[in-house]
Amino acid sequence: ALAATGEAEEAKKALAEIDLLNLTGAVANDRFPNNPAMRVQVAEAMLGMGRLAEASAELDAVLAESPDFAPAHRAKAAYHDRMNQPAQAAEHRRRAGQDAP
C-alpha cells in the first residue's frame, strides 16, 4: 500500500522491520541458535532499516566467530559502502571473494 502511494522508501523500511522481527524471533527462540547465516540476515535487515551501528556490531560478532564467512564479509562491505568507506568495503569484498559492485 505504501509503495502504491509513492512512498516506496517507507515501504522498504516497513518490510525490513518485519524481516528483522521475524529473523530475531527465530534466532532468539533457538530455532537457529548460533547460525551465522541467520545472524547475517538479521544484520542485513538492520542495514535495510538504517540501524547501521547495530548491523555492524552483529557482523563483527559473526566475523569474530567465523572469520572466513563470506556472507558476513559481503554484508560488511555493504555497510562500509553506506558509510562511504570504500577501502574497508573493498577489503571485505576481497575477503568474500567478490569483485567490486
N, C-alpha and C. Protein backbone atom coordinates (compact mmCIF):
# COMPACT_ATOMS: atom_id res chain seq x y z
N ALA A 1 0.82 -1.19 0.00
CA ALA A 1 0.00 0.00 0.00
C ALA A 1 0.86 1.26 0.00
N LEU A 2 1.93 1.22 0.80
CA LEU A 2 2.81 2.39 0.83
C LEU A 2 3.47 2.61 -0.53
N ALA A 3 3.92 1.54 -1.16
CA ALA A 3 4.56 1.67 -2.46
C ALA A 3 3.58 2.24 -3.49
N ALA A 4 2.31 1.85 -3.41
CA ALA A 4 1.31 2.32 -4.35
C ALA A 4 1.03 3.80 -4.19
N THR A 5 1.26 4.35 -3.00
CA THR A 5 1.02 5.77 -2.75
C THR A 5 2.27 6.62 -3.00
N GLY A 6 3.30 6.00 -3.58
CA GLY A 6 4.51 6.75 -3.87
C GLY A 6 5.48 6.81 -2.71
N GLU A 7 5.26 6.03 -1.70
CA GLU A 7 6.14 6.03 -0.53
C GLU A 7 6.97 4.75 -0.51
N ALA A 8 7.70 4.53 -1.60
CA ALA A 8 8.47 3.29 -1.76
C ALA A 8 9.52 3.15 -0.67
N GLU A 9 10.15 4.23 -0.29
CA GLU A 9 11.20 4.16 0.74
C GLU A 9 10.61 3.73 2.07
N GLU A 10 9.45 4.25 2.41
CA GLU A 10 8.78 3.85 3.66
C GLU A 10 8.35 2.39 3.58
N ALA A 11 7.93 1.95 2.42
CA ALA A 11 7.54 0.54 2.24
C ALA A 11 8.74 -0.36 2.46
N LYS A 12 9.90 0.02 1.92
CA LYS A 12 11.11 -0.78 2.11
C LYS A 12 11.47 -0.89 3.58
N LYS A 13 11.38 0.23 4.28
CA LYS A 13 11.71 0.23 5.71
C LYS A 13 10.75 -0.64 6.50
N ALA A 14 9.48 -0.57 6.16
CA ALA A 14 8.49 -1.38 6.87
C ALA A 14 8.74 -2.87 6.64
N LEU A 15 9.05 -3.24 5.41
CA LEU A 15 9.36 -4.65 5.12
C LEU A 15 10.63 -5.09 5.83
N ALA A 16 11.63 -4.23 5.87
CA ALA A 16 12.87 -4.58 6.57
C ALA A 16 12.61 -4.77 8.06
N GLU A 17 11.73 -3.95 8.62
CA GLU A 17 11.41 -4.09 10.04
C GLU A 17 10.69 -5.41 10.31
N ILE A 18 9.78 -5.80 9.43
CA ILE A 18 9.09 -7.09 9.58
C ILE A 18 10.08 -8.23 9.47
N ASP A 19 10.98 -8.15 8.48
CA ASP A 19 12.01 -9.18 8.33
C ASP A 19 12.85 -9.28 9.59
N LEU A 20 13.23 -8.14 10.13
CA LEU A 20 14.06 -8.13 11.33
C LEU A 20 13.33 -8.79 12.49
N LEU A 21 12.08 -8.47 12.67
CA LEU A 21 11.31 -9.07 13.76
C LEU A 21 11.21 -10.59 13.59
N ASN A 22 10.94 -11.04 12.39
CA ASN A 22 10.86 -12.48 12.13
C ASN A 22 12.19 -13.17 12.36
N LEU A 23 13.26 -12.57 11.86
CA LEU A 23 14.58 -13.18 11.98
C LEU A 23 15.08 -13.20 13.41
N THR A 24 14.92 -12.08 14.12
CA THR A 24 15.40 -12.06 15.50
C THR A 24 14.59 -13.01 16.35
N GLY A 25 13.30 -13.17 16.04
CA GLY A 25 12.48 -14.13 16.77
C GLY A 25 12.98 -15.54 16.54
N ALA A 26 13.34 -15.86 15.31
CA ALA A 26 13.85 -17.20 15.01
C ALA A 26 15.17 -17.46 15.70
N VAL A 27 16.04 -16.47 15.74
CA VAL A 27 17.34 -16.63 16.40
C VAL A 27 17.14 -16.72 17.91
N ALA A 28 16.30 -15.84 18.45
CA ALA A 28 16.09 -15.80 19.91
C ALA A 28 15.38 -17.05 20.42
N ASN A 29 14.53 -17.64 19.60
CA ASN A 29 13.79 -18.82 20.02
C ASN A 29 14.56 -20.11 19.79
N ASP A 30 15.83 -20.00 19.51
CA ASP A 30 16.71 -21.15 19.33
C ASP A 30 16.30 -22.05 18.17
N ARG A 31 15.51 -21.52 17.24
CA ARG A 31 15.25 -22.31 16.04
C ARG A 31 16.52 -22.38 15.20
N PHE A 32 17.35 -21.36 15.30
CA PHE A 32 18.61 -21.30 14.57
C PHE A 32 19.70 -20.77 15.49
N PRO A 33 20.02 -21.46 16.58
CA PRO A 33 21.00 -20.94 17.52
C PRO A 33 22.40 -20.86 16.91
N ASN A 34 23.04 -19.75 17.12
CA ASN A 34 24.41 -19.53 16.67
C ASN A 34 24.60 -19.82 15.19
N ASN A 35 23.58 -19.59 14.41
CA ASN A 35 23.67 -19.82 12.97
C ASN A 35 24.17 -18.53 12.32
N PRO A 36 25.40 -18.53 11.80
CA PRO A 36 25.93 -17.29 11.23
C PRO A 36 25.12 -16.75 10.06
N ALA A 37 24.55 -17.64 9.26
CA ALA A 37 23.75 -17.17 8.12
C ALA A 37 22.52 -16.40 8.59
N MET A 38 21.86 -16.90 9.63
CA MET A 38 20.70 -16.19 10.17
C MET A 38 21.12 -14.86 10.78
N ARG A 39 22.25 -14.87 11.46
CA ARG A 39 22.72 -13.62 12.08
C ARG A 39 23.07 -12.59 11.01
N VAL A 40 23.61 -13.02 9.89
CA VAL A 40 23.90 -12.09 8.79
C VAL A 40 22.58 -11.55 8.23
N GLN A 41 21.57 -12.39 8.13
CA GLN A 41 20.27 -11.91 7.66
C GLN A 41 19.69 -10.87 8.62
N VAL A 42 19.87 -11.08 9.91
CA VAL A 42 19.43 -10.09 10.89
C VAL A 42 20.17 -8.77 10.65
N ALA A 43 21.48 -8.85 10.46
CA ALA A 43 22.28 -7.65 10.22
C ALA A 43 21.85 -6.95 8.93
N GLU A 44 21.56 -7.74 7.89
CA GLU A 44 21.12 -7.13 6.63
C GLU A 44 19.77 -6.43 6.80
N ALA A 45 18.88 -7.01 7.59
CA ALA A 45 17.60 -6.35 7.87
C ALA A 45 17.85 -5.04 8.62
N MET A 46 18.78 -5.07 9.57
CA MET A 46 19.13 -3.84 10.30
C MET A 46 19.67 -2.78 9.34
N LEU A 47 20.53 -3.20 8.41
CA LEU A 47 21.04 -2.26 7.41
C LEU A 47 19.90 -1.65 6.62
N GLY A 48 18.93 -2.48 6.25
CA GLY A 48 17.77 -2.00 5.49
C GLY A 48 16.95 -0.99 6.25
N MET A 49 16.98 -1.09 7.57
CA MET A 49 16.22 -0.15 8.40
C MET A 49 17.03 1.09 8.77
N GLY A 50 18.30 1.09 8.39
CA GLY A 50 19.14 2.22 8.75
C GLY A 50 19.76 2.11 10.13
N ARG A 51 19.67 0.93 10.73
CA ARG A 51 20.27 0.71 12.06
C ARG A 51 21.70 0.23 11.85
N LEU A 52 22.53 1.14 11.34
CA LEU A 52 23.86 0.80 10.86
C LEU A 52 24.80 0.33 11.97
N ALA A 53 24.80 1.02 13.10
CA ALA A 53 25.72 0.63 14.18
C ALA A 53 25.40 -0.76 14.70
N GLU A 54 24.10 -1.07 14.84
CA GLU A 54 23.71 -2.40 15.32
C GLU A 54 24.08 -3.47 14.30
N ALA A 55 23.87 -3.17 13.02
CA ALA A 55 24.20 -4.13 11.97
C ALA A 55 25.70 -4.41 11.96
N SER A 56 26.49 -3.35 12.08
CA SER A 56 27.94 -3.52 12.09
C SER A 56 28.39 -4.35 13.28
N ALA A 57 27.82 -4.10 14.44
CA ALA A 57 28.19 -4.86 15.64
C ALA A 57 27.84 -6.34 15.47
N GLU A 58 26.69 -6.62 14.90
CA GLU A 58 26.28 -8.03 14.68
C GLU A 58 27.23 -8.70 13.70
N LEU A 59 27.58 -8.00 12.63
CA LEU A 59 28.51 -8.57 11.66
C LEU A 59 29.89 -8.78 12.26
N ASP A 60 30.33 -7.84 13.08
CA ASP A 60 31.63 -8.01 13.76
C ASP A 60 31.62 -9.25 14.65
N ALA A 61 30.50 -9.48 15.33
CA ALA A 61 30.39 -10.66 16.20
C ALA A 61 30.43 -11.94 15.37
N VAL A 62 29.75 -11.95 14.24
CA VAL A 62 29.77 -13.14 13.37
C VAL A 62 31.19 -13.38 12.86
N LEU A 63 31.84 -12.31 12.42
CA LEU A 63 33.19 -12.46 11.87
C LEU A 63 34.21 -12.84 12.95
N ALA A 64 33.96 -12.46 14.19
CA ALA A 64 34.86 -12.87 15.27
C ALA A 64 34.79 -14.38 15.47
N GLU A 65 33.59 -14.94 15.28
CA GLU A 65 33.41 -16.39 15.44
C GLU A 65 33.73 -17.17 14.17
N SER A 66 33.48 -16.55 13.01
CA SER A 66 33.66 -17.21 11.71
C SER A 66 34.36 -16.24 10.77
N PRO A 67 35.67 -16.06 10.93
CA PRO A 67 36.38 -15.01 10.19
C PRO A 67 36.37 -15.17 8.66
N ASP A 68 36.10 -16.34 8.16
CA ASP A 68 36.10 -16.56 6.71
C ASP A 68 34.70 -16.68 6.13
N PHE A 69 33.68 -16.29 6.88
CA PHE A 69 32.30 -16.45 6.43
C PHE A 69 31.97 -15.37 5.40
N ALA A 70 31.97 -15.78 4.12
CA ALA A 70 31.81 -14.84 3.00
C ALA A 70 30.55 -13.98 3.09
N PRO A 71 29.37 -14.54 3.44
CA PRO A 71 28.18 -13.67 3.51
C PRO A 71 28.33 -12.52 4.50
N ALA A 72 29.03 -12.75 5.60
CA ALA A 72 29.24 -11.67 6.57
C ALA A 72 30.16 -10.61 5.98
N HIS A 73 31.16 -11.04 5.22
CA HIS A 73 32.05 -10.07 4.58
C HIS A 73 31.30 -9.27 3.51
N ARG A 74 30.41 -9.93 2.77
CA ARG A 74 29.62 -9.19 1.77
C ARG A 74 28.73 -8.15 2.44
N ALA A 75 28.10 -8.53 3.54
CA ALA A 75 27.23 -7.58 4.26
C ALA A 75 28.06 -6.46 4.87
N LYS A 76 29.24 -6.79 5.37
CA LYS A 76 30.10 -5.76 5.96
C LYS A 76 30.57 -4.80 4.87
N ALA A 77 30.81 -5.30 3.66
CA ALA A 77 31.16 -4.43 2.53
C ALA A 77 30.01 -3.47 2.23
N ALA A 78 28.78 -3.97 2.27
CA ALA A 78 27.61 -3.10 2.04
C ALA A 78 27.53 -2.02 3.12
N TYR A 79 27.81 -2.41 4.36
CA TYR A 79 27.82 -1.43 5.46
C TYR A 79 28.85 -0.33 5.17
N HIS A 80 30.07 -0.75 4.81
CA HIS A 80 31.12 0.25 4.56
C HIS A 80 30.79 1.11 3.34
N ASP A 81 30.13 0.54 2.35
CA ASP A 81 29.68 1.35 1.21
C ASP A 81 28.74 2.45 1.69
N ARG A 82 27.80 2.09 2.56
CA ARG A 82 26.84 3.08 3.07
C ARG A 82 27.52 4.13 3.93
N MET A 83 28.61 3.75 4.57
CA MET A 83 29.35 4.69 5.42
C MET A 83 30.38 5.50 4.62
N ASN A 84 30.39 5.30 3.29
CA ASN A 84 31.34 5.98 2.40
C ASN A 84 32.78 5.67 2.81
N GLN A 85 33.04 4.39 3.01
CA GLN A 85 34.38 3.90 3.38
C GLN A 85 34.81 2.87 2.33
N PRO A 86 35.20 3.36 1.15
CA PRO A 86 35.47 2.44 0.04
C PRO A 86 36.63 1.47 0.28
N ALA A 87 37.66 1.89 0.98
CA ALA A 87 38.80 0.99 1.21
C ALA A 87 38.39 -0.20 2.08
N GLN A 88 37.62 0.08 3.14
CA GLN A 88 37.15 -1.01 4.02
C GLN A 88 36.18 -1.91 3.26
N ALA A 89 35.31 -1.31 2.45
CA ALA A 89 34.36 -2.10 1.66
C ALA A 89 35.11 -3.02 0.70
N ALA A 90 36.13 -2.49 0.05
CA ALA A 90 36.91 -3.30 -0.89
C ALA A 90 37.60 -4.46 -0.18
N GLU A 91 38.11 -4.23 1.01
CA GLU A 91 38.77 -5.30 1.76
C GLU A 91 37.78 -6.42 2.11
N HIS A 92 36.58 -6.06 2.51
CA HIS A 92 35.58 -7.09 2.84
C HIS A 92 35.12 -7.82 1.58
N ARG A 93 35.00 -7.10 0.47
CA ARG A 93 34.67 -7.77 -0.79
C ARG A 93 35.77 -8.75 -1.18
N ARG A 94 37.02 -8.35 -1.00
CA ARG A 94 38.15 -9.22 -1.31
C ARG A 94 38.07 -10.47 -0.46
N ARG A 95 37.81 -10.30 0.85
CA ARG A 95 37.74 -11.44 1.76
C ARG A 95 36.54 -12.33 1.46
N ALA A 96 35.53 -11.78 0.83
CA ALA A 96 34.35 -12.57 0.44
C ALA A 96 34.55 -13.23 -0.92
N GLY A 97 35.66 -12.89 -1.59
CA GLY A 97 35.90 -13.43 -2.91
C GLY A 97 35.01 -12.80 -3.96
N GLN A 98 34.70 -11.52 -3.75
CA GLN A 98 33.75 -10.81 -4.60
C GLN A 98 34.44 -9.62 -5.24
N ASP A 99 34.10 -9.36 -6.50
CA ASP A 99 34.62 -8.18 -7.20
C ASP A 99 33.87 -6.94 -6.74
N ALA A 100 34.35 -5.79 -7.18
CA ALA A 100 33.69 -4.52 -6.85
C ALA A 100 32.26 -4.53 -7.36
N PRO A 101 31.39 -3.76 -6.68
CA PRO A 101 29.96 -3.76 -7.09
C PRO A 101 29.76 -3.22 -8.47
